PDB file of N, CA and C in Angstrom:
ATOM      1  N   MET A   1     -19.866  -2.108  30.453  1.00  0.00           N
ATOM      2  CA  MET A   1     -18.486  -1.955  30.074  1.00  0.00           C
ATOM      3  C   MET A   1     -18.179  -0.462  30.035  1.00  0.00           C
ATOM      4  N   LYS A   2     -17.052  -0.093  30.643  1.00  0.00           N
ATOM      5  CA  LYS A   2     -16.602   1.299  30.629  1.00  0.00           C
ATOM      6  C   LYS A   2     -15.620   1.497  29.474  1.00  0.00           C
ATOM      7  N   VAL A   3     -15.861   2.534  28.692  1.00  0.00           N
ATOM      8  CA  VAL A   3     -14.986   2.903  27.585  1.00  0.00           C
ATOM      9  C   VAL A   3     -14.404   4.275  27.912  1.00  0.00           C
ATOM     10  N   LYS A   4     -13.078   4.367  27.864  1.00  0.00           N
ATOM     11  CA  LYS A   4     -12.430   5.670  28.022  1.00  0.00           C
ATOM     12  C   LYS A   4     -12.164   6.224  26.627  1.00  0.00           C
ATOM     13  N   VAL A   5     -12.632   7.432  26.407  1.00  0.00           N
ATOM     14  CA  VAL A   5     -12.396   8.110  25.131  1.00  0.00           C
ATOM     15  C   VAL A   5     -11.308   9.147  25.386  1.00  0.00           C
ATOM     16  N   TRP A   6     -10.173   8.998  24.682  1.00  0.00           N
ATOM     17  CA  TRP A   6      -9.003   9.831  24.912  1.00  0.00           C
ATOM     18  C   TRP A   6      -8.875  10.987  23.929  1.00  0.00           C
ATOM     19  N   GLY A   7      -9.637  10.990  22.866  1.00  0.00           N
ATOM     20  CA  GLY A   7      -9.544  12.093  21.923  1.00  0.00           C
ATOM     21  C   GLY A   7     -10.362  11.838  20.674  1.00  0.00           C
ATOM     22  N   VAL A   8     -10.641  12.924  19.952  1.00  0.00           N
ATOM     23  CA  VAL A   8     -11.374  12.845  18.692  1.00  0.00           C
ATOM     24  C   VAL A   8     -10.357  12.897  17.556  1.00  0.00           C
ATOM     25  N   MET A   9     -10.371  11.873  16.723  1.00  0.00           N
ATOM     26  CA  MET A   9      -9.455  11.811  15.589  1.00  0.00           C
ATOM     27  C   MET A   9     -10.058  12.495  14.358  1.00  0.00           C
ATOM     28  N   GLU A  10     -11.380  12.329  14.184  1.00  0.00           N
ATOM     29  CA  GLU A  10     -12.111  12.918  13.048  1.00  0.00           C
ATOM     30  C   GLU A  10     -13.532  13.226  13.468  1.00  0.00           C
ATOM     31  N   GLY A  11     -14.075  14.281  12.869  1.00  0.00           N
ATOM     32  CA  GLY A  11     -15.493  14.545  13.051  1.00  0.00           C
ATOM     33  C   GLY A  11     -15.759  15.819  13.812  1.00  0.00           C
ATOM     34  N   PRO A  12     -17.037  16.091  13.943  1.00  0.00           N
ATOM     35  CA  PRO A  12     -18.221  15.310  13.581  1.00  0.00           C
ATOM     36  C   PRO A  12     -18.379  15.155  12.058  1.00  0.00           C
ATOM     37  N   ILE A  13     -18.809  13.975  11.677  1.00  0.00           N
ATOM     38  CA  ILE A  13     -19.039  13.624  10.280  1.00  0.00           C
ATOM     39  C   ILE A  13     -20.516  13.263  10.115  1.00  0.00           C
ATOM     40  N   ALA A  14     -21.173  13.848   9.127  1.00  0.00           N
ATOM     41  CA  ALA A  14     -22.577  13.520   8.845  1.00  0.00           C
ATOM     42  C   ALA A  14     -22.639  12.138   8.196  1.00  0.00           C
ATOM     43  N   VAL A  15     -23.577  11.297   8.635  1.00  0.00           N
ATOM     44  CA  VAL A  15     -23.683   9.951   8.080  1.00  0.00           C
ATOM     45  C   VAL A  15     -24.033   9.984   6.591  1.00  0.00           C
ATOM     46  N   GLU A  16     -24.666  11.051   6.130  1.00  0.00           N
ATOM     47  CA  GLU A  16     -25.013  11.153   4.707  1.00  0.00           C
ATOM     48  C   GLU A  16     -23.773  11.350   3.832  1.00  0.00           C
ATOM     49  N   ASP A  17     -22.631  11.675   4.458  1.00  0.00           N
ATOM     50  CA  ASP A  17     -21.387  11.889   3.717  1.00  0.00           C
ATOM     51  C   ASP A  17     -20.539  10.625   3.562  1.00  0.00           C
ATOM     52  N   VAL A  18     -21.009   9.511   4.111  1.00  0.00           N
ATOM     53  CA  VAL A  18     -20.249   8.255   4.025  1.00  0.00           C
ATOM     54  C   VAL A  18     -21.136   7.142   3.482  1.00  0.00           C
ATOM     55  N   GLU A  19     -20.494   6.178   2.865  1.00  0.00           N
ATOM     56  CA  GLU A  19     -21.213   4.992   2.386  1.00  0.00           C
ATOM     57  C   GLU A  19     -20.915   3.858   3.351  1.00  0.00           C
ATOM     58  N   ASP A  20     -21.846   3.601   4.247  1.00  0.00           N
ATOM     59  CA  ASP A  20     -21.665   2.574   5.268  1.00  0.00           C
ATOM     60  C   ASP A  20     -23.020   1.969   5.579  1.00  0.00           C
ATOM     61  N   SER A  21     -23.077   0.666   5.620  1.00  0.00           N
ATOM     62  CA  SER A  21     -24.347  -0.001   5.895  1.00  0.00           C
ATOM     63  C   SER A  21     -24.535  -0.299   7.380  1.00  0.00           C
ATOM     64  N   ASP A  22     -23.528  -0.010   8.209  1.00  0.00           N
ATOM     65  CA  ASP A  22     -23.594  -0.323   9.635  1.00  0.00           C
ATOM     66  C   ASP A  22     -23.885   0.899  10.498  1.00  0.00           C
ATOM     67  N   ILE A  23     -24.671   1.818   9.998  1.00  0.00           N
ATOM     68  CA  ILE A  23     -25.016   3.023  10.754  1.00  0.00           C
ATOM     69  C   ILE A  23     -26.176   2.705  11.679  1.00  0.00           C
ATOM     70  N   PRO A  24     -25.991   2.938  12.987  1.00  0.00           N
ATOM     71  CA  PRO A  24     -27.087   2.667  13.926  1.00  0.00           C
ATOM     72  C   PRO A  24     -28.314   3.534  13.638  1.00  0.00           C
ATOM     73  N   MET A  25     -29.482   2.968  13.834  1.00  0.00           N
ATOM     74  CA  MET A  25     -30.741   3.666  13.608  1.00  0.00           C
ATOM     75  C   MET A  25     -30.800   4.942  14.444  1.00  0.00           C
ATOM     76  N   GLY A  26     -31.192   6.033  13.845  1.00  0.00           N
ATOM     77  CA  GLY A  26     -31.337   7.303  14.542  1.00  0.00           C
ATOM     78  C   GLY A  26     -30.058   8.124  14.609  1.00  0.00           C
ATOM     79  N   SER A  27     -28.957   7.595  14.085  1.00  0.00           N
ATOM     80  CA  SER A  27     -27.686   8.320  14.115  1.00  0.00           C
ATOM     81  C   SER A  27     -27.564   9.213  12.883  1.00  0.00           C
ATOM     82  N   ASN A  28     -27.169  10.446  13.124  1.00  0.00           N
ATOM     83  CA  ASN A  28     -26.997  11.401  12.037  1.00  0.00           C
ATOM     84  C   ASN A  28     -25.557  11.897  11.901  1.00  0.00           C
ATOM     85  N   TYR A  29     -24.764  11.748  12.973  1.00  0.00           N
ATOM     86  CA  TYR A  29     -23.372  12.173  12.989  1.00  0.00           C
ATOM     87  C   TYR A  29     -22.548  11.148  13.749  1.00  0.00           C
ATOM     88  N   PHE A  30     -21.239  11.136  13.474  1.00  0.00           N
ATOM     89  CA  PHE A  30     -20.358  10.290  14.258  1.00  0.00           C
ATOM     90  C   PHE A  30     -18.985  10.931  14.389  1.00  0.00           C
ATOM     91  N   LEU A  31     -18.257  10.454  15.403  1.00  0.00           N
ATOM     92  CA  LEU A  31     -16.879  10.842  15.636  1.00  0.00           C
ATOM     93  C   LEU A  31     -16.013   9.600  15.570  1.00  0.00           C
ATOM     94  N   VAL A  32     -14.824   9.727  15.025  1.00  0.00           N
ATOM     95  CA  VAL A  32     -13.824   8.674  15.113  1.00  0.00           C
ATOM     96  C   VAL A  32     -12.934   9.068  16.289  1.00  0.00           C
ATOM     97  N   CYS A  33     -12.898   8.205  17.310  1.00  0.00           N
ATOM     98  CA  CYS A  33     -12.211   8.553  18.548  1.00  0.00           C
ATOM     99  C   CYS A  33     -11.149   7.531  18.915  1.00  0.00           C
ATOM    100  N   LYS A  34     -10.133   8.010  19.627  1.00  0.00           N
ATOM    101  CA  LYS A  34      -9.156   7.124  20.237  1.00  0.00           C
ATOM    102  C   LYS A  34      -9.784   6.654  21.542  1.00  0.00           C
ATOM    103  N   SER A  35      -9.927   5.333  21.689  1.00  0.00           N
ATOM    104  CA  SER A  35     -10.630   4.808  22.851  1.00  0.00           C
ATOM    105  C   SER A  35      -9.819   3.705  23.521  1.00  0.00           C
ATOM    106  N   GLU A  36     -10.178   3.435  24.761  1.00  0.00           N
ATOM    107  CA  GLU A  36      -9.525   2.390  25.555  1.00  0.00           C
ATOM    108  C   GLU A  36     -10.585   1.531  26.219  1.00  0.00           C
ATOM    109  N   ILE A  37     -10.462   0.220  26.017  1.00  0.00           N
ATOM    110  CA  ILE A  37     -11.350  -0.738  26.679  1.00  0.00           C
ATOM    111  C   ILE A  37     -10.468  -1.806  27.303  1.00  0.00           C
ATOM    112  N   ASP A  38     -10.593  -1.967  28.613  1.00  0.00           N
ATOM    113  CA  ASP A  38      -9.795  -2.957  29.348  1.00  0.00           C
ATOM    114  C   ASP A  38      -8.302  -2.815  29.044  1.00  0.00           C
ATOM    115  N   GLY A  39      -7.810  -1.582  28.953  1.00  0.00           N
ATOM    116  CA  GLY A  39      -6.396  -1.327  28.727  1.00  0.00           C
ATOM    117  C   GLY A  39      -5.944  -1.454  27.286  1.00  0.00           C
ATOM    118  N   ILE A  40      -6.843  -1.790  26.373  1.00  0.00           N
ATOM    119  CA  ILE A  40      -6.502  -1.936  24.953  1.00  0.00           C
ATOM    120  C   ILE A  40      -6.943  -0.687  24.204  1.00  0.00           C
ATOM    121  N   MET A  41      -5.981  -0.049  23.536  1.00  0.00           N
ATOM    122  CA  MET A  41      -6.267   1.172  22.786  1.00  0.00           C
ATOM    123  C   MET A  41      -6.706   0.829  21.366  1.00  0.00           C
ATOM    124  N   GLY A  42      -7.582   1.651  20.823  1.00  0.00           N
ATOM    125  CA  GLY A  42      -8.051   1.468  19.456  1.00  0.00           C
ATOM    126  C   GLY A  42      -8.776   2.711  18.983  1.00  0.00           C
ATOM    127  N   GLU A  43      -9.242   2.669  17.744  1.00  0.00           N
ATOM    128  CA  GLU A  43     -10.067   3.740  17.188  1.00  0.00           C
ATOM    129  C   GLU A  43     -11.464   3.189  16.962  1.00  0.00           C
ATOM    130  N   ASP A  44     -12.461   3.922  17.416  1.00  0.00           N
ATOM    131  CA  ASP A  44     -13.847   3.489  17.285  1.00  0.00           C
ATOM    132  C   ASP A  44     -14.717   4.650  16.843  1.00  0.00           C
ATOM    133  N   ASN A  45     -15.828   4.331  16.197  1.00  0.00           N
ATOM    134  CA  ASN A  45     -16.835   5.324  15.846  1.00  0.00           C
ATOM    135  C   ASN A  45     -17.822   5.442  16.995  1.00  0.00           C
ATOM    136  N   PHE A  46     -18.172   6.669  17.332  1.00  0.00           N
ATOM    137  CA  PHE A  46     -19.196   6.941  18.327  1.00  0.00           C
ATOM    138  C   PHE A  46     -20.288   7.738  17.636  1.00  0.00           C
ATOM    139  N   TRP A  47     -21.528   7.294  17.782  1.00  0.00           N
ATOM    140  CA  TRP A  47     -22.659   7.785  16.999  1.00  0.00           C
ATOM    141  C   TRP A  47     -23.519   8.739  17.810  1.00  0.00           C
ATOM    142  N   PHE A  48     -24.055   9.758  17.129  1.00  0.00           N
ATOM    143  CA  PHE A  48     -24.855  10.800  17.773  1.00  0.00           C
ATOM    144  C   PHE A  48     -26.075  11.130  16.923  1.00  0.00           C
ATOM    145  N   GLU A  49     -27.152  11.535  17.594  1.00  0.00           N
ATOM    146  CA  GLU A  49     -28.364  11.939  16.884  1.00  0.00           C
ATOM    147  C   GLU A  49     -28.224  13.320  16.260  1.00  0.00           C
ATOM    148  N   ASP A  50     -27.473  14.208  16.937  1.00  0.00           N
ATOM    149  CA  ASP A  50     -27.377  15.572  16.414  1.00  0.00           C
ATOM    150  C   ASP A  50     -25.943  16.089  16.484  1.00  0.00           C
ATOM    151  N   PHE A  51     -25.676  17.107  15.677  1.00  0.00           N
ATOM    152  CA  PHE A  51     -24.347  17.697  15.564  1.00  0.00           C
ATOM    153  C   PHE A  51     -23.869  18.248  16.903  1.00  0.00           C
ATOM    154  N   ASP A  52     -24.743  18.956  17.623  1.00  0.00           N
ATOM    155  CA  ASP A  52     -24.343  19.603  18.871  1.00  0.00           C
ATOM    156  C   ASP A  52     -23.834  18.604  19.902  1.00  0.00           C
ATOM    157  N   SER A  53     -24.471  17.440  19.997  1.00  0.00           N
ATOM    158  CA  SER A  53     -24.021  16.414  20.951  1.00  0.00           C
ATOM    159  C   SER A  53     -22.625  15.915  20.591  1.00  0.00           C
ATOM    160  N   ALA A  54     -22.381  15.688  19.321  1.00  0.00           N
ATOM    161  CA  ALA A  54     -21.059  15.242  18.878  1.00  0.00           C
ATOM    162  C   ALA A  54     -20.026  16.340  19.113  1.00  0.00           C
ATOM    163  N   TYR A  55     -20.391  17.562  18.827  1.00  0.00           N
ATOM    164  CA  TYR A  55     -19.445  18.664  18.972  1.00  0.00           C
ATOM    165  C   TYR A  55     -19.075  18.926  20.428  1.00  0.00           C
ATOM    166  N   GLU A  56     -19.959  18.594  21.360  1.00  0.00           N
ATOM    167  CA  GLU A  56     -19.641  18.728  22.788  1.00  0.00           C
ATOM    168  C   GLU A  56     -18.417  17.891  23.145  1.00  0.00           C
ATOM    169  N   TRP A  57     -18.336  16.681  22.598  1.00  0.00           N
ATOM    170  CA  TRP A  57     -17.157  15.835  22.835  1.00  0.00           C
ATOM    171  C   TRP A  57     -15.921  16.504  22.258  1.00  0.00           C
ATOM    172  N   LYS A  58     -16.008  17.010  21.037  1.00  0.00           N
ATOM    173  CA  LYS A  58     -14.873  17.663  20.390  1.00  0.00           C
ATOM    174  C   LYS A  58     -14.404  18.852  21.226  1.00  0.00           C
ATOM    175  N   LYS A  59     -15.349  19.658  21.712  1.00  0.00           N
ATOM    176  CA  LYS A  59     -15.008  20.814  22.542  1.00  0.00           C
ATOM    177  C   LYS A  59     -14.311  20.388  23.832  1.00  0.00           C
ATOM    178  N   HIS A  60     -14.742  19.253  24.409  1.00  0.00           N
ATOM    179  CA  HIS A  60     -14.118  18.752  25.636  1.00  0.00           C
ATOM    180  C   HIS A  60     -12.619  18.577  25.420  1.00  0.00           C
ATOM    181  N   PHE A  61     -12.229  17.958  24.300  1.00  0.00           N
ATOM    182  CA  PHE A  61     -10.821  17.675  24.050  1.00  0.00           C
ATOM    183  C   PHE A  61     -10.034  18.882  23.540  1.00  0.00           C
ATOM    184  N   MET A  62     -10.724  19.958  23.190  1.00  0.00           N
ATOM    185  CA  MET A  62     -10.024  21.193  22.839  1.00  0.00           C
ATOM    186  C   MET A  62      -9.469  21.872  24.091  1.00  0.00           C
ATOM    187  N   LYS A  63     -10.076  21.569  25.250  1.00  0.00           N
ATOM    188  CA  LYS A  63      -9.653  22.256  26.474  1.00  0.00           C
ATOM    189  C   LYS A  63      -9.181  21.307  27.573  1.00  0.00           C
ATOM    190  N   SER A  64      -9.207  19.996  27.334  1.00  0.00           N
ATOM    191  CA  SER A  64      -8.833  19.050  28.383  1.00  0.00           C
ATOM    192  C   SER A  64      -8.152  17.820  27.781  1.00  0.00           C
ATOM    193  N   ILE A  65      -7.238  17.241  28.553  1.00  0.00           N
ATOM    194  CA  ILE A  65      -6.632  15.975  28.137  1.00  0.00           C
ATOM    195  C   ILE A  65      -7.238  14.803  28.902  1.00  0.00           C
ATOM    196  N   GLU A  66      -8.152  15.093  29.807  1.00  0.00           N
ATOM    197  CA  GLU A  66      -8.808  14.042  30.576  1.00  0.00           C
ATOM    198  C   GLU A  66      -9.769  13.252  29.689  1.00  0.00           C
ATOM    199  N   PRO A  67      -9.808  11.925  29.863  1.00  0.00           N
ATOM    200  CA  PRO A  67     -10.709  11.126  29.026  1.00  0.00           C
ATOM    201  C   PRO A  67     -12.171  11.299  29.433  1.00  0.00           C
ATOM    202  N   LEU A  68     -13.046  11.047  28.490  1.00  0.00           N
ATOM    203  CA  LEU A  68     -14.461  10.897  28.785  1.00  0.00           C
ATOM    204  C   LEU A  68     -14.678   9.420  29.083  1.00  0.00           C
ATOM    205  N   VAL A  69     -15.420   9.101  30.115  1.00  0.00           N
ATOM    206  CA  VAL A  69     -15.713   7.709  30.440  1.00  0.00           C
ATOM    207  C   VAL A  69     -17.183   7.464  30.116  1.00  0.00           C
ATOM    208  N   VAL A  70     -17.414   6.481  29.236  1.00  0.00           N
ATOM    209  CA  VAL A  70     -18.748   6.208  28.717  1.00  0.00           C
ATOM    210  C   VAL A  70     -19.143   4.784  29.091  1.00  0.00           C
ATOM    211  N   ASP A  71     -20.345   4.609  29.630  1.00  0.00           N
ATOM    212  CA  ASP A  71     -20.889   3.268  29.881  1.00  0.00           C
ATOM    213  C   ASP A  71     -21.506   2.751  28.590  1.00  0.00           C
ATOM    214  N   MET A  72     -21.039   1.607  28.130  1.00  0.00           N
ATOM    215  CA  MET A  72     -21.544   0.994  26.895  1.00  0.00           C
ATOM    216  C   MET A  72     -22.052  -0.409  27.215  1.00  0.00           C
ATOM    217  N   PRO A  73     -23.072  -0.876  26.477  1.00  0.00           N
ATOM    218  CA  PRO A  73     -23.500  -2.267  26.655  1.00  0.00           C
ATOM    219  C   PRO A  73     -22.361  -3.205  26.269  1.00  0.00           C
ATOM    220  N   ASP A  74     -22.277  -4.356  26.922  1.00  0.00           N
ATOM    221  CA  ASP A  74     -21.196  -5.303  26.652  1.00  0.00           C
ATOM    222  C   ASP A  74     -21.191  -5.814  25.218  1.00  0.00           C
ATOM    223  N   ASP A  75     -22.334  -5.787  24.545  1.00  0.00           N
ATOM    224  CA  ASP A  75     -22.416  -6.301  23.173  1.00  0.00           C
ATOM    225  C   ASP A  75     -22.336  -5.185  22.127  1.00  0.00           C
ATOM    226  N   SER A  76     -21.743  -4.051  22.495  1.00  0.00           N
ATOM    227  CA  SER A  76     -21.750  -2.886  21.611  1.00  0.00           C
ATOM    228  C   SER A  76     -20.809  -3.003  20.421  1.00  0.00           C
ATOM    229  N   GLY A  77     -19.843  -3.905  20.463  1.00  0.00           N
ATOM    230  CA  GLY A  77     -18.956  -4.107  19.326  1.00  0.00           C
ATOM    231  C   GLY A  77     -17.787  -3.152  19.269  1.00  0.00           C
ATOM    232  N   TYR A  78     -17.497  -2.457  20.349  1.00  0.00           N
ATOM    233  CA  TYR A  78     -16.360  -1.543  20.353  1.00  0.00           C
ATOM    234  C   TYR A  78     -15.078  -2.298  20.585  1.00  0.00           C
ATOM    235  N   ASN A  79     -13.999  -1.809  19.927  1.00  0.00           N
ATOM    236  CA  ASN A  79     -12.651  -2.388  20.001  1.00  0.00           C
ATOM    237  C   ASN A  79     -12.712  -3.859  19.682  1.00  0.00           C
TER     238      ASN A  79
END
């Protein structure tokens, strides 16, 4: 499944700063992003192992309006 990420709404946020039981194993940071799946817009969390990887996405949207296209497993639970 292809997910288009159109922007970062919040983050990077450290997982230790939130109370959530649905944090994927190995994730230390996340972004709340505006995303599109099959033409349906929504907000989703995208998880990262390190701050720098998450911040790369944020930097992308500071200089571009083009979406990031991410391949996700069909059972990923997005949107």
